[in-house]
C-alpha atoms as a PDB file:
ATOM      1  CA  MET A   1       0.557   1.484   6.436  1.00  0.00           C
ATOM      2  CA  LEU A   2       2.230   2.301  10.102  1.00  0.00           C
ATOM      3  CA  LEU A   3       0.233   4.349  11.065  1.00  0.00           C
ATOM      4  CA  ASN A   4      -2.985   2.476  10.621  1.00  0.00           C
ATOM      5  CA  GLN A   5      -0.915   0.188  12.850  1.00  0.00           C
ATOM      6  CA  PHE A   6      -0.481   2.717  16.136  1.00  0.00           C
ATOM      7  CA  VAL A   7      -4.293   2.998  16.159  1.00  0.00           C
ATOM      8  CA  GLU A   8      -5.190  -0.193  15.648  1.00  0.00           C
ATOM      9  CA  GLN A   9      -2.149  -1.288  18.248  1.00  0.00           C
ATOM     10  CA  LYS A  10      -4.061   1.106  20.491  1.00  0.00           C
ATOM     11  CA  VAL A  11      -0.595   2.490  20.979  1.00  0.00           C
ATOM     12  CA  THR A  12      -1.043   6.168  20.180  1.00  0.00           C
ATOM     13  CA  CYS A  13      -1.013   9.069  23.232  1.00  0.00           C
ATOM     14  CA  TYR A  14      -1.186  12.916  22.497  1.00  0.00           C
ATOM     15  CA  HIS A  15       0.063  15.375  25.175  1.00  0.00           C
ATOM     16  CA  GLN A  16       0.746  19.761  25.525  1.00  0.00           C
ATOM     17  CA  GLU A  17       4.032  19.240  26.994  1.00  0.00           C
ATOM     18  CA  PHE A  18       5.993  17.837  29.550  1.00  0.00           C
ATOM     19  CA  LYS A  19       8.737  19.412  32.551  1.00  0.00           C
ATOM     20  CA  THR A  20      11.283  17.194  31.559  1.00  0.00           C
ATOM     21  CA  TRP A  21      12.483  14.988  28.818  1.00  0.00           C
ATOM     22  CA  GLN A  22      12.348  11.850  31.311  1.00  0.00           C
ATOM     23  CA  ASP A  23       8.601  12.660  31.287  1.00  0.00           C
ATOM     24  CA  ALA A  24       8.415  11.984  28.271  1.00  0.00           C
ATOM     25  CA  VAL A  25       9.816   9.208  27.530  1.00  0.00           C
ATOM     26  CA  LYS A  26       7.980   7.826  30.298  1.00  0.00           C
ATOM     27  CA  ALA A  27       4.587   8.937  28.561  1.00  0.00           C
ATOM     28  CA  SER A  28       5.544   7.665  25.198  1.00  0.00           C
ATOM     29  CA  GLY A  29       6.497   4.109  26.366  1.00  0.00           C
ATOM     30  CA  GLN A  30       3.182   4.297  28.298  1.00  0.00           C
ATOM     31  CA  PRO A  31       0.358   2.615  25.522  1.00  0.00           C
ATOM     32  CA  LEU A  32       3.050   0.315  24.751  1.00  0.00           C
ATOM     33  CA  VAL A  33       3.486  -1.046  28.307  1.00  0.00           C
ATOM     34  CA  ASP A  34      -0.599  -0.538  28.610  1.00  0.00           C
ATOM     35  CA  GLN A  35      -0.995  -2.830  25.467  1.00  0.00           C
ATOM     36  CA  LYS A  36       1.421  -5.354  28.229  1.00  0.00           C
ATOM     37  CA  TYR A  37       4.366  -4.946  24.283  1.00  0.00           C
ATOM     38  CA  ILE A  38       7.279  -3.608  26.844  1.00  0.00           C
ATOM     39  CA  ASP A  39       7.281  -3.004  30.637  1.00  0.00           C
ATOM     40  CA  GLU A  40       8.143  -0.408  32.825  1.00  0.00           C
ATOM     41  CA  GLN A  41      11.745  -1.853  33.173  1.00  0.00           C
ATOM     42  CA  TYR A  42      12.295  -1.451  29.851  1.00  0.00           C
ATOM     43  CA  ILE A  43      11.142   2.154  29.634  1.00  0.00           C
ATOM     44  CA  GLN A  44      13.658   2.698  32.423  1.00  0.00           C
ATOM     45  CA  ALA A  45      16.613   1.404  30.498  1.00  0.00           C
ATOM     46  CA  VAL A  46      15.839   3.821  27.384  1.00  0.00           C
ATOM     47  CA  ILE A  47      16.313   6.723  29.900  1.00  0.00           C
ATOM     48  CA  ALA A  48      19.111   5.505  31.556  1.00  0.00           C
ATOM     49  CA  CYS A  49      20.366   5.068  27.570  1.00  0.00           C
ATOM     50  CA  VAL A  50      19.878   8.454  27.205  1.00  0.00           C
ATOM     51  CA  GLU A  51      21.226   9.880  30.149  1.00  0.00           C
ATOM     52  CA  LYS A  52      25.056   8.398  29.913  1.00  0.00           C
ATOM     53  CA  TYR A  53      25.227   8.834  25.640  1.00  0.00           C
ATOM     54  CA  GLY A  54      23.355  11.867  25.246  1.00  0.00           C
ATOM     55  CA  PRO A  55      20.190  12.891  22.946  1.00  0.00           C
ATOM     56  CA  TYR A  56      20.814  10.079  20.586  1.00  0.00           C
ATOM     57  CA  ILE A  57      17.095   8.655  19.841  1.00  0.00           C
ATOM     58  CA  VAL A  58      16.673  12.607  18.348  1.00  0.00           C
ATOM     59  CA  ILE A  59      16.803  11.677  15.461  1.00  0.00           C
ATOM     60  CA  ALA A  60      16.006  14.427  13.246  1.00  0.00           C
ATOM     61  CA  PRO A  61      14.596  17.987  13.999  1.00  0.00           C
ATOM     62  CA  ASN A  62      11.116  17.058  15.843  1.00  0.00           C
ATOM     63  CA  ILE A  63      11.747  13.471  15.945  1.00  0.00           C
ATOM     64  CA  ALA A  64      12.542  11.245  18.476  1.00  0.00           C
ATOM     65  CA  MET A  65      12.667   7.390  18.566  1.00  0.00           C
ATOM     66  CA  PRO A  66      13.108   5.794  21.836  1.00  0.00           C
ATOM     67  CA  HIS A  67      14.514   2.858  22.665  1.00  0.00           C
ATOM     68  CA  SER A  68      17.234   0.440  24.130  1.00  0.00           C
ATOM     69  CA  THR A  69      19.176  -1.903  22.933  1.00  0.00           C
ATOM     70  CA  GLU A  70      17.824  -5.295  21.429  1.00  0.00           C
ATOM     71  CA  GLY A  71      17.551  -7.746  23.731  1.00  0.00           C
ATOM     72  CA  ALA A  72      16.355  -5.260  26.752  1.00  0.00           C
ATOM     73  CA  ALA A  73      14.817  -6.589  29.549  1.00  0.00           C
ATOM     74  CA  GLY A  74      11.003  -5.900  29.915  1.00  0.00           C
ATOM     75  CA  VAL A  75      10.110  -6.052  26.477  1.00  0.00           C
ATOM     76  CA  TYR A  76       7.486  -8.866  25.221  1.00  0.00           C
ATOM     77  CA  LYS A  77       6.878  -8.429  21.790  1.00  0.00           C
ATOM     78  CA  THR A  78       8.007  -6.327  18.886  1.00  0.00           C
ATOM     79  CA  ALA A  79       6.374  -2.277  18.620  1.00  0.00           C
ATOM     80  CA  ILE A  80       6.315   1.088  17.854  1.00  0.00           C
ATOM     81  CA  GLY A  81       4.429   3.261  19.803  1.00  0.00           C
ATOM     82  CA  PHE A  82       3.420   6.892  18.383  1.00  0.00           C
ATOM     83  CA  MET A  83       3.423   9.956  20.357  1.00  0.00           C
ATOM     84  CA  LYS A  84       2.966  13.414  19.730  1.00  0.00           C
ATOM     85  CA  VAL A  85       3.258  16.394  22.284  1.00  0.00           C
ATOM     86  CA  GLU A  86       2.200  19.800  21.179  1.00  0.00           C
ATOM     87  CA  ALA A  87       4.931  21.340  22.709  1.00  0.00           C
ATOM     88  CA  PRO A  88       9.016  20.815  21.866  1.00  0.00           C
ATOM     89  CA  VAL A  89      10.624  18.089  24.713  1.00  0.00           C
ATOM     90  CA  VAL A  90      13.844  19.670  25.405  1.00  0.00           C
ATOM     91  CA  PHE A  91      16.541  17.290  25.472  1.00  0.00           C
ATOM     92  CA  ASP A  92      19.200  19.555  25.722  1.00  0.00           C
ATOM     93  CA  SER A  93      19.127  23.337  26.122  1.00  0.00           C
ATOM     94  CA  ASN A  94      22.231  23.958  24.581  1.00  0.00           C
ATOM     95  CA  ASP A  95      21.093  22.526  21.508  1.00  0.00           C
ATOM     96  CA  HIS A  96      17.342  22.806  19.808  1.00  0.00           C
ATOM     97  CA  GLU A  97      18.097  20.595  16.825  1.00  0.00           C
ATOM     98  CA  LYS A  98      17.655  18.025  19.186  1.00  0.00           C
ATOM     99  CA  ASP A  99      13.824  18.915  20.159  1.00  0.00           C
ATOM    100  CA  ALA A 100      11.310  16.521  19.916  1.00  0.00           C
ATOM    101  CA  ARG A 101       7.479  16.836  19.350  1.00  0.00           C
ATOM    102  CA  LEU A 102       7.624  13.252  18.004  1.00  0.00           C
ATOM    103  CA  PHE A 103       8.526  10.164  19.121  1.00  0.00           C
ATOM    104  CA  PHE A 104       8.045   6.391  18.289  1.00  0.00           C
ATOM    105  CA  MET A 105       8.918   4.649  20.783  1.00  0.00           C
ATOM    106  CA  LEU A 106      10.353   1.103  19.397  1.00  0.00           C
ATOM    107  CA  ALA A 107      10.538  -2.577  20.859  1.00  0.00           C
ATOM    108  CA  ALA A 108      12.679  -4.794  19.164  1.00  0.00           C
ATOM    109  CA  ALA A 109      11.273  -8.775  20.785  1.00  0.00           C
ATOM    110  CA  ASN A 110      11.668 -10.325  17.477  1.00  0.00           C
ATOM    111  CA  HIS A 111      14.820  -9.474  15.170  1.00  0.00           C
ATOM    112  CA  GLU A 112      13.080  -9.611  11.967  1.00  0.00           C
ATOM    113  CA  GLU A 113       9.788  -8.246  12.666  1.00  0.00           C
ATOM    114  CA  HIS A 114      11.836  -4.907  14.439  1.00  0.00           C
ATOM    115  CA  LEU A 115      13.898  -4.494  10.972  1.00  0.00           C
ATOM    116  CA  LYS A 116      10.587  -4.583   8.792  1.00  0.00           C
ATOM    117  CA  ASN A 117       9.059  -1.916  11.089  1.00  0.00           C
ATOM    118  CA  MET A 118      12.297  -0.155  11.409  1.00  0.00           C
ATOM    119  CA  MET A 119      12.620   0.568   7.703  1.00  0.00           C
ATOM    120  CA  GLU A 120       8.860   1.418   7.048  1.00  0.00           C
ATOM    121  CA  LEU A 121       9.456   3.653   9.988  1.00  0.00           C
ATOM    122  CA  SER A 122      12.898   5.267   8.300  1.00  0.00           C
ATOM    123  CA  GLU A 123      10.609   5.434   4.644  1.00  0.00           C
ATOM    124  CA  MET A 124       7.910   6.887   6.240  1.00  0.00           C
ATOM    125  CA  LEU A 125       9.513  10.487   8.007  1.00  0.00           C
ATOM    126  CA  MET A 126      12.167  10.390   4.990  1.00  0.00           C
ATOM    127  CA  ASN A 127       8.343  12.477   4.105  1.00  0.00           C
ATOM    128  CA  ASP A 128       8.833  16.292   5.175  1.00  0.00           C
ATOM    129  CA  GLU A 129       4.885  16.633   4.165  1.00  0.00           C
ATOM    130  CA  LEU A 130       4.377  13.669   6.017  1.00  0.00           C
ATOM    131  CA  VAL A 131       5.955  14.552   8.876  1.00  0.00           C
ATOM    132  CA  GLU A 132       4.631  17.917   8.946  1.00  0.00           C
ATOM    133  CA  ASP A 133       1.349  16.957   9.247  1.00  0.00           C
ATOM    134  CA  LEU A 134       1.518  14.273  11.788  1.00  0.00           C
ATOM    135  CA  LEU A 135       3.190  17.584  13.275  1.00  0.00           C
ATOM    136  CA  LYS A 136      -0.479  18.935  13.451  1.00  0.00           C
ATOM    137  CA  VAL A 137      -2.247  15.685  15.023  1.00  0.00           C
ATOM    138  CA  LYS A 138      -4.406  16.347  17.606  1.00  0.00           C
ATOM    139  CA  ASN A 139      -5.671  12.436  17.766  1.00  0.00           C
ATOM    140  CA  ASP A 140      -6.368   8.998  16.302  1.00  0.00           C
ATOM    141  CA  ASP A 141      -8.919  10.281  14.004  1.00  0.00           C
ATOM    142  CA  ASP A 142      -6.362  12.873  12.393  1.00  0.00           C
ATOM    143  CA  LEU A 143      -3.621  10.284  12.432  1.00  0.00           C
ATOM    144  CA  LEU A 144      -5.915   8.011  10.598  1.00  0.00           C
ATOM    145  CA  THR A 145      -6.501  11.113   8.198  1.00  0.00           C
ATOM    146  CA  VAL A 146      -2.555  11.208   7.449  1.00  0.00           C
ATOM    147  CA  ALA A 147      -2.547   7.533   7.051  1.00  0.00           C
ATOM    148  CA  LYS A 148      -5.454   7.701   4.517  1.00  0.00           C
ATOM    149  CA  LYS A 149      -3.559  10.688   2.666  1.00  0.00           C
ATOM    150  CA  TYR A 150      -0.321   8.763   2.272  1.00  0.00           C
ATOM    151  CA  GLU A 151      -1.299   5.416   1.390  1.00  0.00           C
END
């Protein structure tokens, strides 16, 4: 299950709050930078895309999938990182449907692998109960408990 993979690959992080959505996006990418899946250049590309196109990365209330275009510079391996934030991150002060607390940073180097990850992630996020449980996690142990519940 993806949740187990996040912990195994060391691509998780947990935060209280962020002053700006840009800081949140940077933080969501940091575990992937630390594990050499992506570099800072990719995170800057994600931020630039959101500045240009608006908060398209917020795919549902509380859920953001920061990503740039496929084949973007700064991506070395295909992965998804997970970040949970206690306080909602505001992308658009006029639209709180665009606030997010769960971040899934996407990095695509291999198209097939990326599609497989996306399908698994989409399936997982369609489960409202699982999403509610993710909103309660505080650390990797909690994340693994959620993973076990939905295996």
